Amino acid sequence: LLAFATYLGKVPILVAVIYFGASLVSYTMYCLDKAAAERGYRRTPESSLHLIDLLCGWPGGLVAQQQFRHKTAKASFQRTFWMTVLLNLGGVAWLIVSGKMQWLSSMLFGE
C-alpha cells in the first residue's frame, strides 16, 4: 500500500525509504534477539525493540515476530508493540497531511 501510494505521488518517497530502512533494522534486531534468547546470551532490551518499531520499523518487526515466533505470546509486549504501531501511523499521517513530510523530502531530495 505504501509503495503504491508513493508511486501515485500521494506519499513522499522519503516515507517509503524511512519505512524500508527502519524495517530492515527492526527485523535484524528481532532476529539477533531471538538468537541471543536461544543461546542464553545478552538480550536486546524490549524498549529498544519498541523504539525502532515506533520509528517506522514496525513492519519489519511484525514480519520477524511471525517468522521467528518471537515475542508473539508475551501479552505486555504485544500491547506495547501495537501502541507503537498506532502512534507511528498517526504521526506519519500527521506529517503527510500537514505538509511537513513533503517539505522535509523536498529539502533532502529536491522533489
N, C-alpha and C. Protein backbone atom coordinates (compact mmCIF):
# COMPACT_ATOMS: atom_id res chain seq x y z
N LEU A 1 0.83 -1.19 0.00
CA LEU A 1 0.00 0.00 0.00
C LEU A 1 0.87 1.26 0.00
N LEU A 2 1.92 1.22 0.82
CA LEU A 2 2.82 2.37 0.88
C LEU A 2 3.53 2.58 -0.45
N ALA A 3 3.99 1.49 -1.06
CA ALA A 3 4.68 1.60 -2.35
C ALA A 3 3.73 2.17 -3.41
N PHE A 4 2.49 1.72 -3.40
CA PHE A 4 1.50 2.21 -4.36
C PHE A 4 1.21 3.69 -4.15
N ALA A 5 1.03 4.09 -2.88
CA ALA A 5 0.78 5.50 -2.57
C ALA A 5 1.98 6.36 -2.95
N THR A 6 3.17 5.84 -2.79
CA THR A 6 4.38 6.57 -3.18
C THR A 6 4.43 6.69 -4.70
N TYR A 7 4.12 5.60 -5.39
CA TYR A 7 4.11 5.60 -6.86
C TYR A 7 3.12 6.64 -7.39
N LEU A 8 1.97 6.75 -6.76
CA LEU A 8 0.95 7.72 -7.19
C LEU A 8 1.29 9.16 -6.80
N GLY A 9 2.34 9.33 -6.02
CA GLY A 9 2.74 10.67 -5.59
C GLY A 9 1.96 11.18 -4.40
N LYS A 10 1.21 10.31 -3.74
CA LYS A 10 0.43 10.70 -2.57
C LYS A 10 1.28 10.74 -1.30
N VAL A 11 2.35 9.98 -1.32
CA VAL A 11 3.26 9.90 -0.18
C VAL A 11 4.66 10.17 -0.70
N PRO A 12 5.40 11.08 -0.05
CA PRO A 12 6.77 11.35 -0.48
C PRO A 12 7.64 10.09 -0.42
N ILE A 13 8.57 9.98 -1.34
CA ILE A 13 9.45 8.81 -1.38
C ILE A 13 10.25 8.67 -0.09
N LEU A 14 10.49 9.78 0.59
CA LEU A 14 11.22 9.74 1.86
C LEU A 14 10.53 8.82 2.86
N VAL A 15 9.21 8.82 2.88
CA VAL A 15 8.46 7.97 3.81
C VAL A 15 8.75 6.50 3.52
N ALA A 16 8.69 6.11 2.26
CA ALA A 16 8.96 4.72 1.89
C ALA A 16 10.40 4.34 2.23
N VAL A 17 11.33 5.23 1.98
CA VAL A 17 12.74 4.96 2.28
C VAL A 17 12.94 4.76 3.78
N ILE A 18 12.32 5.61 4.58
CA ILE A 18 12.45 5.51 6.04
C ILE A 18 11.84 4.21 6.53
N TYR A 19 10.63 3.89 6.07
CA TYR A 19 10.00 2.63 6.50
C TYR A 19 10.84 1.42 6.10
N PHE A 20 11.36 1.43 4.89
CA PHE A 20 12.16 0.30 4.43
C PHE A 20 13.42 0.14 5.29
N GLY A 21 14.14 1.23 5.49
CA GLY A 21 15.38 1.17 6.28
C GLY A 21 15.13 0.78 7.73
N ALA A 22 14.14 1.41 8.35
CA ALA A 22 13.83 1.10 9.75
C ALA A 22 13.32 -0.33 9.90
N SER A 23 12.58 -0.81 8.91
CA SER A 23 12.08 -2.19 8.96
C SER A 23 13.22 -3.19 8.87
N LEU A 24 14.22 -2.90 8.06
CA LEU A 24 15.39 -3.78 7.99
C LEU A 24 16.12 -3.82 9.33
N VAL A 25 16.27 -2.66 9.94
CA VAL A 25 16.93 -2.60 11.25
C VAL A 25 16.12 -3.38 12.28
N SER A 26 14.81 -3.15 12.30
CA SER A 26 13.94 -3.83 13.27
C SER A 26 13.98 -5.34 13.07
N TYR A 27 13.85 -5.78 11.83
CA TYR A 27 13.89 -7.21 11.53
C TYR A 27 15.19 -7.83 12.05
N THR A 28 16.29 -7.16 11.79
CA THR A 28 17.60 -7.65 12.24
C THR A 28 17.68 -7.70 13.76
N MET A 29 17.15 -6.68 14.41
CA MET A 29 17.18 -6.65 15.88
C MET A 29 16.38 -7.81 16.47
N TYR A 30 15.20 -8.09 15.93
CA TYR A 30 14.40 -9.21 16.42
C TYR A 30 15.11 -10.53 16.16
N CYS A 31 15.72 -10.66 14.99
CA CYS A 31 16.45 -11.88 14.64
C CYS A 31 17.59 -12.12 15.62
N LEU A 32 18.38 -11.09 15.88
CA LEU A 32 19.50 -11.21 16.81
C LEU A 32 19.03 -11.48 18.24
N ASP A 33 17.92 -10.86 18.64
CA ASP A 33 17.40 -11.08 19.98
C ASP A 33 16.91 -12.51 20.14
N LYS A 34 16.25 -13.03 19.13
CA LYS A 34 15.80 -14.43 19.18
C LYS A 34 16.99 -15.37 19.29
N ALA A 35 18.03 -15.12 18.50
CA ALA A 35 19.24 -15.95 18.57
C ALA A 35 19.88 -15.86 19.94
N ALA A 36 19.93 -14.67 20.51
CA ALA A 36 20.50 -14.49 21.84
C ALA A 36 19.67 -15.23 22.89
N ALA A 37 18.36 -15.19 22.76
CA ALA A 37 17.49 -15.87 23.70
C ALA A 37 17.71 -17.38 23.66
N GLU A 38 17.87 -17.92 22.47
CA GLU A 38 18.08 -19.36 22.32
C GLU A 38 19.43 -19.81 22.86
N ARG A 39 20.42 -18.93 22.81
CA ARG A 39 21.78 -19.29 23.25
C ARG A 39 22.11 -18.83 24.67
N GLY A 40 21.19 -18.10 25.28
CA GLY A 40 21.42 -17.61 26.63
C GLY A 40 22.35 -16.41 26.69
N TYR A 41 22.48 -15.70 25.59
CA TYR A 41 23.34 -14.51 25.54
C TYR A 41 22.56 -13.28 25.99
N ARG A 42 23.28 -12.18 26.05
CA ARG A 42 22.67 -10.91 26.44
C ARG A 42 21.61 -10.52 25.41
N ARG A 43 20.44 -10.10 25.91
CA ARG A 43 19.28 -9.81 25.07
C ARG A 43 19.20 -8.33 24.71
N THR A 44 18.46 -8.06 23.65
CA THR A 44 18.14 -6.69 23.26
C THR A 44 17.01 -6.21 24.18
N PRO A 45 17.16 -5.06 24.82
CA PRO A 45 16.07 -4.58 25.68
C PRO A 45 14.78 -4.38 24.89
N GLU A 46 13.66 -4.74 25.50
CA GLU A 46 12.37 -4.55 24.84
C GLU A 46 12.16 -3.09 24.46
N SER A 47 12.65 -2.18 25.27
CA SER A 47 12.48 -0.76 24.96
C SER A 47 13.17 -0.39 23.65
N SER A 48 14.29 -1.05 23.34
CA SER A 48 14.97 -0.79 22.07
C SER A 48 14.16 -1.32 20.89
N LEU A 49 13.56 -2.49 21.07
CA LEU A 49 12.71 -3.04 20.02
C LEU A 49 11.50 -2.13 19.79
N HIS A 50 10.91 -1.66 20.88
CA HIS A 50 9.75 -0.78 20.75
C HIS A 50 10.13 0.57 20.12
N LEU A 51 11.29 1.07 20.44
CA LEU A 51 11.72 2.36 19.88
C LEU A 51 11.88 2.26 18.37
N ILE A 52 12.57 1.25 17.88
CA ILE A 52 12.74 1.12 16.43
C ILE A 52 11.40 0.87 15.75
N ASP A 53 10.51 0.14 16.43
CA ASP A 53 9.17 -0.07 15.87
C ASP A 53 8.41 1.25 15.78
N LEU A 54 8.53 2.08 16.79
CA LEU A 54 7.88 3.39 16.79
C LEU A 54 8.43 4.28 15.68
N LEU A 55 9.72 4.14 15.40
CA LEU A 55 10.39 4.97 14.39
C LEU A 55 10.31 4.33 13.00
N CYS A 56 9.15 3.81 12.67
CA CYS A 56 8.82 3.26 11.34
C CYS A 56 9.33 1.85 11.09
N GLY A 57 9.86 1.18 12.09
CA GLY A 57 10.37 -0.17 11.87
C GLY A 57 9.37 -1.28 12.14
N TRP A 58 8.15 -0.91 12.54
CA TRP A 58 7.19 -1.94 12.92
C TRP A 58 6.86 -2.96 11.82
N PRO A 59 6.85 -2.61 10.52
CA PRO A 59 6.57 -3.68 9.55
C PRO A 59 7.63 -4.79 9.61
N GLY A 60 8.89 -4.42 9.72
CA GLY A 60 9.95 -5.43 9.84
C GLY A 60 9.85 -6.20 11.14
N GLY A 61 9.47 -5.50 12.21
CA GLY A 61 9.28 -6.17 13.50
C GLY A 61 8.15 -7.17 13.45
N LEU A 62 7.07 -6.79 12.79
CA LEU A 62 5.91 -7.69 12.69
C LEU A 62 6.27 -8.95 11.89
N VAL A 63 6.97 -8.77 10.79
CA VAL A 63 7.40 -9.93 9.99
C VAL A 63 8.32 -10.82 10.81
N ALA A 64 9.27 -10.22 11.51
CA ALA A 64 10.22 -11.00 12.30
C ALA A 64 9.52 -11.74 13.44
N GLN A 65 8.57 -11.08 14.09
CA GLN A 65 7.84 -11.76 15.17
C GLN A 65 7.18 -13.03 14.66
N GLN A 66 6.55 -12.94 13.51
CA GLN A 66 5.86 -14.11 12.96
C GLN A 66 6.85 -15.16 12.44
N GLN A 67 7.88 -14.71 11.75
CA GLN A 67 8.83 -15.65 11.16
C GLN A 67 9.61 -16.41 12.22
N PHE A 68 10.04 -15.71 13.27
CA PHE A 68 10.87 -16.33 14.30
C PHE A 68 10.08 -16.78 15.52
N ARG A 69 8.76 -16.54 15.50
CA ARG A 69 7.91 -16.84 16.66
C ARG A 69 8.51 -16.22 17.91
N HIS A 70 8.80 -14.95 17.80
CA HIS A 70 9.49 -14.23 18.87
C HIS A 70 8.61 -13.10 19.40
N LYS A 71 8.37 -13.11 20.69
CA LYS A 71 7.59 -12.08 21.39
C LYS A 71 6.11 -12.13 21.03
N THR A 72 5.66 -13.19 20.39
CA THR A 72 4.26 -13.26 19.97
C THR A 72 3.32 -13.67 21.11
N ALA A 73 3.83 -14.37 22.11
CA ALA A 73 2.98 -14.85 23.20
C ALA A 73 3.02 -13.93 24.42
N LYS A 74 3.90 -12.98 24.44
CA LYS A 74 4.02 -12.08 25.60
C LYS A 74 3.03 -10.92 25.44
N ALA A 75 1.94 -10.99 26.19
CA ALA A 75 0.84 -10.03 26.04
C ALA A 75 1.28 -8.59 26.28
N SER A 76 2.09 -8.35 27.29
CA SER A 76 2.50 -6.97 27.58
C SER A 76 3.35 -6.41 26.43
N PHE A 77 4.18 -7.24 25.84
CA PHE A 77 4.99 -6.79 24.71
C PHE A 77 4.08 -6.48 23.53
N GLN A 78 3.13 -7.35 23.26
CA GLN A 78 2.22 -7.15 22.14
C GLN A 78 1.37 -5.89 22.30
N ARG A 79 0.90 -5.62 23.51
CA ARG A 79 0.13 -4.39 23.75
C ARG A 79 0.96 -3.16 23.42
N THR A 80 2.19 -3.15 23.90
CA THR A 80 3.06 -2.01 23.65
C THR A 80 3.43 -1.92 22.17
N PHE A 81 3.68 -3.07 21.55
CA PHE A 81 4.01 -3.08 20.13
C PHE A 81 2.89 -2.44 19.32
N TRP A 82 1.65 -2.87 19.54
CA TRP A 82 0.53 -2.33 18.76
C TRP A 82 0.28 -0.86 19.07
N MET A 83 0.61 -0.43 20.28
CA MET A 83 0.52 1.00 20.60
C MET A 83 1.56 1.78 19.79
N THR A 84 2.76 1.23 19.64
CA THR A 84 3.78 1.92 18.83
C THR A 84 3.34 1.99 17.37
N VAL A 85 2.67 0.95 16.88
CA VAL A 85 2.18 0.96 15.50
C VAL A 85 1.17 2.09 15.33
N LEU A 86 0.21 2.18 16.24
CA LEU A 86 -0.81 3.24 16.15
C LEU A 86 -0.20 4.63 16.25
N LEU A 87 0.72 4.80 17.19
CA LEU A 87 1.39 6.10 17.33
C LEU A 87 2.18 6.45 16.08
N ASN A 88 2.89 5.47 15.52
CA ASN A 88 3.66 5.71 14.31
C ASN A 88 2.77 6.10 13.15
N LEU A 89 1.73 5.34 12.93
CA LEU A 89 0.83 5.63 11.81
C LEU A 89 0.18 7.01 11.97
N GLY A 90 -0.23 7.32 13.19
CA GLY A 90 -0.82 8.64 13.44
C GLY A 90 0.17 9.76 13.21
N GLY A 91 1.40 9.58 13.68
CA GLY A 91 2.42 10.60 13.50
C GLY A 91 2.80 10.80 12.04
N VAL A 92 2.97 9.72 11.32
CA VAL A 92 3.33 9.82 9.91
C VAL A 92 2.17 10.43 9.12
N ALA A 93 0.95 10.02 9.44
CA ALA A 93 -0.21 10.61 8.76
C ALA A 93 -0.26 12.12 8.99
N TRP A 94 0.00 12.54 10.22
CA TRP A 94 0.00 13.97 10.53
C TRP A 94 1.10 14.69 9.73
N LEU A 95 2.29 14.09 9.67
CA LEU A 95 3.39 14.71 8.92
C LEU A 95 3.03 14.85 7.44
N ILE A 96 2.36 13.85 6.89
CA ILE A 96 1.99 13.90 5.48
C ILE A 96 0.88 14.93 5.24
N VAL A 97 -0.18 14.87 6.05
CA VAL A 97 -1.33 15.77 5.87
C VAL A 97 -0.95 17.22 6.11
N SER A 98 -0.08 17.45 7.09
CA SER A 98 0.32 18.83 7.41
C SER A 98 1.28 19.41 6.37
N GLY A 99 1.85 18.58 5.52
CA GLY A 99 2.79 19.04 4.52
C GLY A 99 4.23 19.06 5.01
N LYS A 100 4.44 18.75 6.27
CA LYS A 100 5.80 18.79 6.82
C LYS A 100 6.69 17.71 6.21
N MET A 101 6.13 16.56 5.89
CA MET A 101 6.92 15.50 5.28
C MET A 101 7.33 15.88 3.86
N GLN A 102 6.44 16.50 3.13
CA GLN A 102 6.77 16.94 1.76
C GLN A 102 7.86 18.01 1.81
N TRP A 103 7.75 18.91 2.77
CA TRP A 103 8.77 19.96 2.92
C TRP A 103 10.12 19.32 3.22
N LEU A 104 10.17 18.38 4.15
CA LEU A 104 11.42 17.71 4.51
C LEU A 104 11.97 16.94 3.31
N SER A 105 11.09 16.25 2.61
CA SER A 105 11.50 15.48 1.43
C SER A 105 12.09 16.40 0.36
N SER A 106 11.46 17.55 0.14
CA SER A 106 11.97 18.47 -0.87
C SER A 106 13.32 19.07 -0.44
N MET A 107 13.50 19.28 0.84
CA MET A 107 14.78 19.79 1.32
C MET A 107 15.90 18.77 1.11
N LEU A 108 15.58 17.49 1.32
CA LEU A 108 16.60 16.45 1.21
C LEU A 108 16.83 15.97 -0.21
N PHE A 109 15.75 15.85 -0.98
CA PHE A 109 15.85 15.24 -2.31
C PHE A 109 15.52 16.21 -3.45
N GLY A 110 15.08 17.41 -3.15
CA GLY A 110 14.75 18.36 -4.18
C GLY A 110 13.51 17.98 -4.98
N GLU A 111 12.59 17.24 -4.34
CA GLU A 111 11.35 16.82 -5.04
C GLU A 111 10.43 17.99 -5.23
